[in-house]
Amino acid sequence: MNKINGYTEEEAKSLVRYICTGRNAGKTLSGLFASYAEKTGRAKGSVRNYYYALLKSRDDDRVKKILQGTGLQAGKIVPFSESETDEMLKAVLEQKSKGVSVRKAVLNLSEGDDKLMLRYQNKYRNVLTKQPERIERLMRECGIDGADGMRKKLEEEINGLYDRLAKSLKDENKRLLAVVKKLTDENNLLRLQLRNLS
């Protein structure tokens, strides 16, 4: 069998056995990918990608043999409806408007389901690239300012920071002036005392 994502035939058998045992024990695929990755030193995403690539290669006789009797199969991906897409996009945009990254937002929405997180992330990026007007419409519907609003908010934060720094510097300057005046007065007093002694 040709390598898929760098796995040998023996590694493929090992992964299939591991997944079968884990699934029979009621473990989630996501958890199994993570534990297999830790066990083998591979990245979790690499394990997941390899697993699905393997399942899609059933026309290869060696893959058929490895998967025979396991019952492992990739679930059919049901595309998002238009309303599901809009709801997901709105949820991501609302989190994004609060400073949350897209990756963190889709992770929150998927509640730790890696497969769903990846679907959300891919859908968001796809719509952002191919339908930016849809993103803009949804932002308006949610009352979220676009890039201009974010820029304005950032400018306000910078101006606020500048004002706080300027006030702090003015206060410090007043304090230092008072210290300098006090030291100058003490210095003058000492000079006077020295003159009186001589």
C-alpha atoms as a PDB file:
ATOM      1  CA  MET A   1       0.000   0.000   0.000  1.00  0.00           C
ATOM      2  CA  ASN A   2       1.287   3.422  -0.831  1.00  0.00           C
ATOM      3  CA  LYS A   3       1.828   5.604   2.170  1.00  0.00           C
ATOM      4  CA  ILE A   4      -0.943   8.028   2.990  1.00  0.00           C
ATOM      5  CA  ASN A   5       0.261  10.998   5.006  1.00  0.00           C
ATOM      6  CA  GLY A   6       3.450   9.097   5.797  1.00  0.00           C
ATOM      7  CA  TYR A   7       1.913   5.954   7.356  1.00  0.00           C
ATOM      8  CA  THR A   8       3.115   2.453   6.516  1.00  0.00           C
ATOM      9  CA  GLU A   9       0.730  -0.481   6.122  1.00  0.00           C
ATOM     10  CA  GLU A  10       1.642  -1.700   9.621  1.00  0.00           C
ATOM     11  CA  GLU A  11       0.928   1.768  11.069  1.00  0.00           C
ATOM     12  CA  ALA A  12      -2.422   1.780   9.271  1.00  0.00           C
ATOM     13  CA  LYS A  13      -3.303  -1.593  10.839  1.00  0.00           C
ATOM     14  CA  SER A  14      -2.228  -0.318  14.255  1.00  0.00           C
ATOM     15  CA  LEU A  15      -4.403   2.799  13.953  1.00  0.00           C
ATOM     16  CA  VAL A  16      -7.429   0.783  12.781  1.00  0.00           C
ATOM     17  CA  ARG A  17      -7.050  -1.657  15.709  1.00  0.00           C
ATOM     18  CA  TYR A  18      -6.700   1.254  18.136  1.00  0.00           C
ATOM     19  CA  ILE A  19      -9.784   3.048  16.777  1.00  0.00           C
ATOM     20  CA  CYS A  20     -11.877  -0.173  16.750  1.00  0.00           C
ATOM     21  CA  THR A  21     -10.950  -0.999  20.342  1.00  0.00           C
ATOM     22  CA  GLY A  22     -11.657   2.547  21.477  1.00  0.00           C
ATOM     23  CA  ARG A  23     -14.972   2.834  19.624  1.00  0.00           C
ATOM     24  CA  ASN A  24     -16.094  -0.522  21.100  1.00  0.00           C
ATOM     25  CA  ALA A  25     -15.263   0.918  24.529  1.00  0.00           C
ATOM     26  CA  GLY A  26     -17.506   3.919  23.762  1.00  0.00           C
ATOM     27  CA  LYS A  27     -14.744   6.475  23.276  1.00  0.00           C
ATOM     28  CA  THR A  28     -15.135   9.410  20.888  1.00  0.00           C
ATOM     29  CA  LEU A  29     -13.159   9.624  17.679  1.00  0.00           C
ATOM     30  CA  SER A  30     -11.799  12.997  18.752  1.00  0.00           C
ATOM     31  CA  GLY A  31     -10.479  11.551  22.010  1.00  0.00           C
ATOM     32  CA  LEU A  32      -9.036   8.534  20.196  1.00  0.00           C
ATOM     33  CA  PHE A  33      -7.245  10.758  17.685  1.00  0.00           C
ATOM     34  CA  ALA A  34      -5.742  12.750  20.571  1.00  0.00           C
ATOM     35  CA  SER A  35      -4.614   9.696  22.556  1.00  0.00           C
ATOM     36  CA  TYR A  36      -3.234   7.919  19.467  1.00  0.00           C
ATOM     37  CA  ALA A  37      -1.354  11.092  18.530  1.00  0.00           C
ATOM     38  CA  GLU A  38       0.144  11.266  22.020  1.00  0.00           C
ATOM     39  CA  LYS A  39       1.049   7.576  21.929  1.00  0.00           C
ATOM     40  CA  THR A  40       2.761   7.803  18.524  1.00  0.00           C
ATOM     41  CA  GLY A  41       4.190  11.329  18.679  1.00  0.00           C
ATOM     42  CA  ARG A  42       2.105  12.454  15.733  1.00  0.00           C
ATOM     43  CA  ALA A  43      -0.110  15.523  15.541  1.00  0.00           C
ATOM     44  CA  LYS A  44      -3.780  14.961  16.349  1.00  0.00           C
ATOM     45  CA  GLY A  45      -4.816  16.587  13.068  1.00  0.00           C
ATOM     46  CA  SER A  46      -2.461  14.321  11.148  1.00  0.00           C
ATOM     47  CA  VAL A  47      -3.987  11.225  12.773  1.00  0.00           C
ATOM     48  CA  ARG A  48      -7.514  12.459  11.998  1.00  0.00           C
ATOM     49  CA  ASN A  49      -6.646  13.307   8.394  1.00  0.00           C
ATOM     50  CA  TYR A  50      -4.974   9.949   7.874  1.00  0.00           C
ATOM     51  CA  TYR A  51      -7.940   8.072   9.343  1.00  0.00           C
ATOM     52  CA  TYR A  52     -10.407   9.741   6.958  1.00  0.00           C
ATOM     53  CA  ALA A  53      -8.040   9.384   3.992  1.00  0.00           C
ATOM     54  CA  LEU A  54      -7.792   5.676   4.787  1.00  0.00           C
ATOM     55  CA  LEU A  55     -11.581   5.305   4.926  1.00  0.00           C
ATOM     56  CA  LYS A  56     -11.873   6.994   1.537  1.00  0.00           C
ATOM     57  CA  SER A  57      -9.334   4.568   0.000  1.00  0.00           C
ATOM     58  CA  ARG A  58     -11.566   1.480   0.166  1.00  0.00           C
ATOM     59  CA  ASP A  59     -10.955   0.736  -3.504  1.00  0.00           C
ATOM     60  CA  ASP A  60      -7.364  -0.291  -2.603  1.00  0.00           C
ATOM     61  CA  ASP A  61      -7.369  -4.056  -1.851  1.00  0.00           C
ATOM     62  CA  ARG A  62      -4.920  -3.661   1.028  1.00  0.00           C
ATOM     63  CA  VAL A  63      -7.071  -0.967   2.641  1.00  0.00           C
ATOM     64  CA  LYS A  64     -10.137  -3.197   2.166  1.00  0.00           C
ATOM     65  CA  LYS A  65      -8.310  -5.989   3.975  1.00  0.00           C
ATOM     66  CA  ILE A  66      -7.267  -3.706   6.862  1.00  0.00           C
ATOM     67  CA  LEU A  67     -10.819  -2.375   7.300  1.00  0.00           C
ATOM     68  CA  GLN A  68     -12.588  -5.715   6.742  1.00  0.00           C
ATOM     69  CA  GLY A  69     -14.941  -6.574   9.596  1.00  0.00           C
ATOM     70  CA  THR A  70     -14.197  -3.392  11.543  1.00  0.00           C
ATOM     71  CA  GLY A  71     -17.426  -1.585  10.720  1.00  0.00           C
ATOM     72  CA  LEU A  72     -15.450   1.659  10.531  1.00  0.00           C
ATOM     73  CA  GLN A  73     -16.843   4.138   8.071  1.00  0.00           C
ATOM     74  CA  ALA A  74     -16.858   7.845   7.552  1.00  0.00           C
ATOM     75  CA  GLY A  75     -20.213   9.405   8.267  1.00  0.00           C
ATOM     76  CA  LYS A  76     -21.814  11.224   5.403  1.00  0.00           C
ATOM     77  CA  ILE A  77     -21.299  14.950   5.772  1.00  0.00           C
ATOM     78  CA  VAL A  78     -24.602  16.745   5.601  1.00  0.00           C
ATOM     79  CA  PRO A  79     -24.116  20.257   4.260  1.00  0.00           C
ATOM     80  CA  PHE A  80     -25.205  23.236   6.343  1.00  0.00           C
ATOM     81  CA  SER A  81     -28.560  24.713   5.413  1.00  0.00           C
ATOM     82  CA  GLU A  82     -28.616  28.421   4.619  1.00  0.00           C
ATOM     83  CA  SER A  83     -30.223  29.228   7.979  1.00  0.00           C
ATOM     84  CA  GLU A  84     -27.719  27.019   9.870  1.00  0.00           C
ATOM     85  CA  THR A  85     -24.897  28.776   8.043  1.00  0.00           C
ATOM     86  CA  ASP A  86     -26.268  32.209   8.960  1.00  0.00           C
ATOM     87  CA  GLU A  87     -26.753  31.250  12.621  1.00  0.00           C
ATOM     88  CA  MET A  88     -23.222  29.841  12.856  1.00  0.00           C
ATOM     89  CA  LEU A  89     -21.744  32.887  11.122  1.00  0.00           C
ATOM     90  CA  LYS A  90     -23.631  35.274  13.412  1.00  0.00           C
ATOM     91  CA  ALA A  91     -22.364  33.421  16.485  1.00  0.00           C
ATOM     92  CA  VAL A  92     -18.771  33.590  15.200  1.00  0.00           C
ATOM     93  CA  LEU A  93     -19.098  37.268  14.269  1.00  0.00           C
ATOM     94  CA  GLU A  94     -20.544  38.173  17.675  1.00  0.00           C
ATOM     95  CA  GLN A  95     -17.645  36.457  19.468  1.00  0.00           C
ATOM     96  CA  LYS A  96     -15.178  37.998  17.038  1.00  0.00           C
ATOM     97  CA  SER A  97     -16.590  41.473  17.786  1.00  0.00           C
ATOM     98  CA  LYS A  98     -15.656  40.865  21.447  1.00  0.00           C
ATOM     99  CA  GLY A  99     -12.027  40.173  20.539  1.00  0.00           C
ATOM    100  CA  VAL A 100     -12.248  36.367  20.328  1.00  0.00           C
ATOM    101  CA  SER A 101     -10.307  34.794  17.459  1.00  0.00           C
ATOM    102  CA  VAL A 102     -12.232  32.896  14.779  1.00  0.00           C
ATOM    103  CA  ARG A 103     -10.473  29.684  15.803  1.00  0.00           C
ATOM    104  CA  LYS A 104     -11.490  30.120  19.458  1.00  0.00           C
ATOM    105  CA  ALA A 105     -15.036  31.103  18.438  1.00  0.00           C
ATOM    106  CA  VAL A 106     -15.560  27.951  16.351  1.00  0.00           C
ATOM    107  CA  LEU A 107     -14.007  25.861  19.140  1.00  0.00           C
ATOM    108  CA  ASN A 108     -16.536  27.361  21.586  1.00  0.00           C
ATOM    109  CA  LEU A 109     -19.421  26.722  19.185  1.00  0.00           C
ATOM    110  CA  SER A 110     -18.403  23.121  18.524  1.00  0.00           C
ATOM    111  CA  GLU A 111     -18.056  22.422  22.250  1.00  0.00           C
ATOM    112  CA  GLY A 112     -14.781  20.560  21.689  1.00  0.00           C
ATOM    113  CA  ASP A 113     -15.960  18.457  18.732  1.00  0.00           C
ATOM    114  CA  ASP A 114     -12.920  18.707  16.451  1.00  0.00           C
ATOM    115  CA  LYS A 115     -14.751  17.549  13.352  1.00  0.00           C
ATOM    116  CA  LEU A 116     -17.530  20.089  13.823  1.00  0.00           C
ATOM    117  CA  MET A 117     -15.001  22.815  14.698  1.00  0.00           C
ATOM    118  CA  LEU A 118     -13.161  22.152  11.444  1.00  0.00           C
ATOM    119  CA  ARG A 119     -16.426  22.257   9.486  1.00  0.00           C
ATOM    120  CA  TYR A 120     -17.380  25.575  11.111  1.00  0.00           C
ATOM    121  CA  GLN A 121     -13.948  27.049  10.484  1.00  0.00           C
ATOM    122  CA  ASN A 122     -13.893  25.939   6.848  1.00  0.00           C
ATOM    123  CA  LYS A 123     -17.427  27.224   6.262  1.00  0.00           C
ATOM    124  CA  TYR A 124     -16.608  30.601   7.834  1.00  0.00           C
ATOM    125  CA  ARG A 125     -13.460  31.029   5.733  1.00  0.00           C
ATOM    126  CA  ASN A 126     -15.237  29.871   2.589  1.00  0.00           C
ATOM    127  CA  VAL A 127     -18.063  32.400   3.044  1.00  0.00           C
ATOM    128  CA  LEU A 128     -15.603  35.148   4.003  1.00  0.00           C
ATOM    129  CA  THR A 129     -13.669  34.554   0.768  1.00  0.00           C
ATOM    130  CA  LYS A 130     -16.516  33.886  -1.635  1.00  0.00           C
ATOM    131  CA  GLN A 131     -19.393  35.874  -0.103  1.00  0.00           C
ATOM    132  CA  PRO A 132     -17.991  38.859   1.821  1.00  0.00           C
ATOM    133  CA  GLU A 133     -21.278  40.688   1.250  1.00  0.00           C
ATOM    134  CA  ARG A 134     -23.056  37.970   3.251  1.00  0.00           C
ATOM    135  CA  ILE A 135     -20.682  38.542   6.181  1.00  0.00           C
ATOM    136  CA  GLU A 136     -21.325  42.305   5.963  1.00  0.00           C
ATOM    137  CA  ARG A 137     -25.109  41.733   5.893  1.00  0.00           C
ATOM    138  CA  LEU A 138     -24.967  39.452   8.936  1.00  0.00           C
ATOM    139  CA  MET A 139     -22.796  41.959  10.792  1.00  0.00           C
ATOM    140  CA  ARG A 140     -25.406  44.658  10.129  1.00  0.00           C
ATOM    141  CA  GLU A 141     -28.188  42.308  11.279  1.00  0.00           C
ATOM    142  CA  CYS A 142     -26.286  41.678  14.518  1.00  0.00           C
ATOM    143  CA  GLY A 143     -25.532  45.370  14.998  1.00  0.00           C
ATOM    144  CA  ILE A 144     -21.801  44.752  14.707  1.00  0.00           C
ATOM    145  CA  ASP A 145     -19.660  47.507  13.250  1.00  0.00           C
ATOM    146  CA  GLY A 146     -17.453  46.469  10.374  1.00  0.00           C
ATOM    147  CA  ALA A 147     -13.782  47.304   9.941  1.00  0.00           C
ATOM    148  CA  ASP A 148     -14.532  51.029  10.363  1.00  0.00           C
ATOM    149  CA  GLY A 149     -16.219  50.357  13.700  1.00  0.00           C
ATOM    150  CA  MET A 150     -13.333  48.226  14.893  1.00  0.00           C
ATOM    151  CA  ARG A 151     -10.856  50.872  13.785  1.00  0.00           C
ATOM    152  CA  LYS A 152     -12.874  53.558  15.603  1.00  0.00           C
ATOM    153  CA  LYS A 153     -13.001  51.436  18.764  1.00  0.00           C
ATOM    154  CA  LEU A 154      -9.247  50.856  18.592  1.00  0.00           C
ATOM    155  CA  GLU A 155      -8.632  54.583  18.099  1.00  0.00           C
ATOM    156  CA  GLU A 156     -10.821  55.343  21.125  1.00  0.00           C
ATOM    157  CA  GLU A 157      -8.872  52.845  23.221  1.00  0.00           C
ATOM    158  CA  ILE A 158      -5.555  54.336  22.073  1.00  0.00           C
ATOM    159  CA  ASN A 159      -6.787  57.876  22.794  1.00  0.00           C
ATOM    160  CA  GLY A 160      -7.965  56.780  26.237  1.00  0.00           C
ATOM    161  CA  LEU A 161      -4.591  55.205  26.939  1.00  0.00           C
ATOM    162  CA  TYR A 162      -2.832  58.367  25.750  1.00  0.00           C
ATOM    163  CA  ASP A 163      -5.033  60.530  28.013  1.00  0.00           C
ATOM    164  CA  ARG A 164      -4.316  58.294  31.033  1.00  0.00           C
ATOM    165  CA  LEU A 165      -0.565  58.375  30.314  1.00  0.00           C
ATOM    166  CA  ALA A 166      -0.605  62.156  29.841  1.00  0.00           C
ATOM    167  CA  LYS A 167      -2.456  62.657  33.149  1.00  0.00           C
ATOM    168  CA  SER A 168      -0.066  60.278  34.906  1.00  0.00           C
ATOM    169  CA  LEU A 169       2.926  62.198  33.499  1.00  0.00           C
ATOM    170  CA  LYS A 170       1.409  65.545  34.553  1.00  0.00           C
ATOM    171  CA  ASP A 171       0.826  64.233  38.069  1.00  0.00           C
ATOM    172  CA  GLU A 172       4.366  62.857  38.240  1.00  0.00           C
ATOM    173  CA  ASN A 173       5.736  66.162  36.932  1.00  0.00           C
ATOM    174  CA  LYS A 174       3.870  68.084  39.673  1.00  0.00           C
ATOM    175  CA  ARG A 175       5.201  65.718  42.321  1.00  0.00           C
ATOM    176  CA  LEU A 176       8.777  66.074  41.023  1.00  0.00           C
ATOM    177  CA  LEU A 177       8.487  69.864  40.906  1.00  0.00           C
ATOM    178  CA  ALA A 178       7.377  69.863  44.549  1.00  0.00           C
ATOM    179  CA  VAL A 179      10.347  67.637  45.470  1.00  0.00           C
ATOM    180  CA  VAL A 180      12.747  69.897  43.563  1.00  0.00           C
ATOM    181  CA  LYS A 181      11.300  72.989  45.300  1.00  0.00           C
ATOM    182  CA  LYS A 182      11.643  71.319  48.700  1.00  0.00           C
ATOM    183  CA  LEU A 183      15.247  70.279  47.962  1.00  0.00           C
ATOM    184  CA  THR A 184      16.066  73.751  46.649  1.00  0.00           C
ATOM    185  CA  ASP A 185      14.647  75.326  49.828  1.00  0.00           C
ATOM    186  CA  GLU A 186      16.637  72.889  52.003  1.00  0.00           C
ATOM    187  CA  ASN A 187      19.788  73.591  49.984  1.00  0.00           C
ATOM    188  CA  ASN A 188      19.322  77.356  50.401  1.00  0.00           C
ATOM    189  CA  LEU A 189      18.781  76.893  54.137  1.00  0.00           C
ATOM    190  CA  LEU A 190      21.988  74.816  54.416  1.00  0.00           C
ATOM    191  CA  ARG A 191      23.970  77.478  52.522  1.00  0.00           C
ATOM    192  CA  LEU A 192      22.659  80.125  54.854  1.00  0.00           C
ATOM    193  CA  GLN A 193      23.608  78.065  57.879  1.00  0.00           C
ATOM    194  CA  LEU A 194      27.128  77.488  56.472  1.00  0.00           C
ATOM    195  CA  ARG A 195      27.570  81.216  55.900  1.00  0.00           C
ATOM    196  CA  ASN A 196      26.509  81.942  59.441  1.00  0.00           C
ATOM    197  CA  LEU A 197      29.061  79.423  60.755  1.00  0.00           C
ATOM    198  CA  SER A 198      31.984  81.017  58.929  1.00  0.00           C
END
